[in-house]
């Protein structure tokens, strides 16, 4: 089975210039805990609700600070045609809980270990 068969809705994305406040509001509006940060169609980072709390709120960063200051970079993304077994291996190999899915160079989904 390919991972694209597991995706149920498109990922919620934001630009690196999005503020921490805007990112939190976007997460709340779309009821998600993760944003894929993109420049154009290219994945440049990922940010979770935990990142917002631990890397921003706990450090008393201004809410108008850019989200790219607290996002994780060097994101591992998988092609939509990747086999589920290979995706499971990638979770363990890279010690991550979320992997963006790309199709034709565009982010098309988000695979979560949960």
Protein backbone atom coordinates (compact mmCIF):
# COMPACT_ATOMS: atom_id res chain seq x y z
CA UNK A 1 0.00 0.00 0.00
CA UNK A 2 1.25 3.48 -0.87
CA UNK A 3 1.15 6.31 1.66
CA UNK A 4 -0.98 8.49 -0.63
CA UNK A 5 -3.78 6.01 0.02
CA UNK A 6 -3.69 6.90 3.73
CA UNK A 7 -4.12 10.67 3.36
CA UNK A 8 -7.60 11.86 4.15
CA UNK A 9 -7.30 15.62 3.74
CA UNK A 10 -4.77 18.11 2.40
CA UNK A 11 -2.15 19.45 4.81
CA UNK A 12 -2.46 22.89 6.34
CA UNK A 13 0.40 25.04 5.10
CA UNK A 14 1.82 28.44 5.96
CA UNK A 15 4.65 30.61 4.71
CA UNK A 16 7.84 31.23 6.72
CA UNK A 17 6.73 34.85 7.24
CA UNK A 18 3.58 33.76 9.10
CA UNK A 19 3.63 35.06 12.65
CA UNK A 20 3.42 32.82 15.70
CA UNK A 21 -0.02 34.31 16.43
CA UNK A 22 -1.24 33.63 12.89
CA UNK A 23 0.13 30.08 12.99
CA UNK A 24 -1.65 29.35 16.27
CA UNK A 25 -4.89 30.80 14.89
CA UNK A 26 -4.53 28.70 11.73
CA UNK A 27 -4.01 25.54 13.80
CA UNK A 28 -7.08 26.36 15.90
CA UNK A 29 -9.23 27.22 12.88
CA UNK A 30 -8.38 24.00 11.03
CA UNK A 31 -8.19 21.82 14.17
CA UNK A 32 -4.65 20.61 13.44
CA UNK A 33 -1.52 20.35 15.53
CA UNK A 34 0.96 20.67 12.67
CA UNK A 35 1.64 23.17 9.90
CA UNK A 36 3.82 22.41 6.91
CA UNK A 37 5.85 25.53 6.15
CA UNK A 38 6.28 26.13 2.43
CA UNK A 39 7.92 28.63 0.12
CA UNK A 40 5.91 28.45 -3.04
CA UNK A 41 5.31 24.73 -3.34
CA UNK A 42 8.58 23.65 -1.66
CA UNK A 43 8.56 22.30 1.91
CA UNK A 44 11.02 24.30 4.02
CA UNK A 45 9.93 23.38 7.54
CA UNK A 46 7.34 21.98 9.88
CA UNK A 47 5.92 23.40 13.09
CA UNK A 48 3.76 21.74 15.71
CA UNK A 49 1.60 23.11 18.47
CA UNK A 50 4.27 21.85 20.87
CA UNK A 51 6.91 23.90 19.00
CA UNK A 52 4.76 26.99 19.45
CA UNK A 53 4.49 26.37 23.19
CA UNK A 54 8.05 25.23 23.95
CA UNK A 55 10.05 27.29 21.46
CA UNK A 56 7.96 30.46 21.46
CA UNK A 57 5.54 30.93 24.36
CA UNK A 58 7.83 29.41 27.03
CA UNK A 59 10.67 31.64 25.81
CA UNK A 60 8.39 34.68 25.85
CA UNK A 61 8.88 35.43 22.15
CA UNK A 62 6.64 38.18 20.81
CA UNK A 63 3.58 36.72 19.09
CA UNK A 64 4.38 38.77 16.01
CA UNK A 65 7.69 36.88 15.58
CA UNK A 66 7.98 34.82 12.41
CA UNK A 67 7.14 31.13 12.60
CA UNK A 68 10.33 30.20 10.77
CA UNK A 69 12.18 31.12 13.97
CA UNK A 70 10.61 28.17 15.80
CA UNK A 71 10.00 25.66 13.00
CA UNK A 72 12.00 22.48 12.45
CA UNK A 73 14.04 22.62 9.27
CA UNK A 74 15.70 19.91 7.17
CA UNK A 75 12.35 18.17 6.93
CA UNK A 76 12.26 14.64 5.61
CA UNK A 77 9.46 14.40 3.05
CA UNK A 78 8.28 11.27 1.28
CA UNK A 79 6.99 10.81 -2.23
CA UNK A 80 3.29 9.99 -2.40
CA UNK A 81 4.10 6.66 -4.02
CA UNK A 82 6.25 5.46 -1.11
CA UNK A 83 5.28 2.10 0.34
CA UNK A 84 3.84 2.21 3.88
CA UNK A 85 6.58 -0.13 5.14
CA UNK A 86 9.23 2.27 3.87
CA UNK A 87 7.43 5.16 5.57
CA UNK A 88 7.42 3.27 8.88
CA UNK A 89 11.15 2.71 8.47
CA UNK A 90 11.66 6.43 7.81
CA UNK A 91 9.87 7.33 11.07
CA UNK A 92 12.32 5.19 13.03
CA UNK A 93 15.39 6.10 11.04
CA UNK A 94 14.86 9.86 11.37
CA UNK A 95 13.21 9.87 14.84
CA UNK A 96 10.24 11.98 13.70
CA UNK A 97 6.49 11.68 14.24
CA UNK A 98 5.28 13.50 11.11
CA UNK A 99 6.36 13.27 7.49
CA UNK A 100 5.10 15.58 4.74
CA UNK A 101 4.02 13.80 1.57
CA UNK A 102 4.96 15.34 -1.77
CA UNK A 103 3.57 14.63 -5.19
CA UNK A 104 5.00 16.27 -8.29
CA UNK A 105 7.12 18.56 -6.13
CA UNK A 106 4.08 19.88 -4.21
CA UNK A 107 3.13 19.02 -0.65
CA UNK A 108 0.02 16.86 -0.87
CA UNK A 109 -0.38 15.40 2.60
CA UNK A 110 1.04 14.79 6.04
CA UNK A 111 1.64 11.34 7.45
CA UNK A 112 1.59 11.07 11.24
CA UNK A 113 2.93 8.20 13.30
CA UNK A 114 -0.09 8.61 15.58
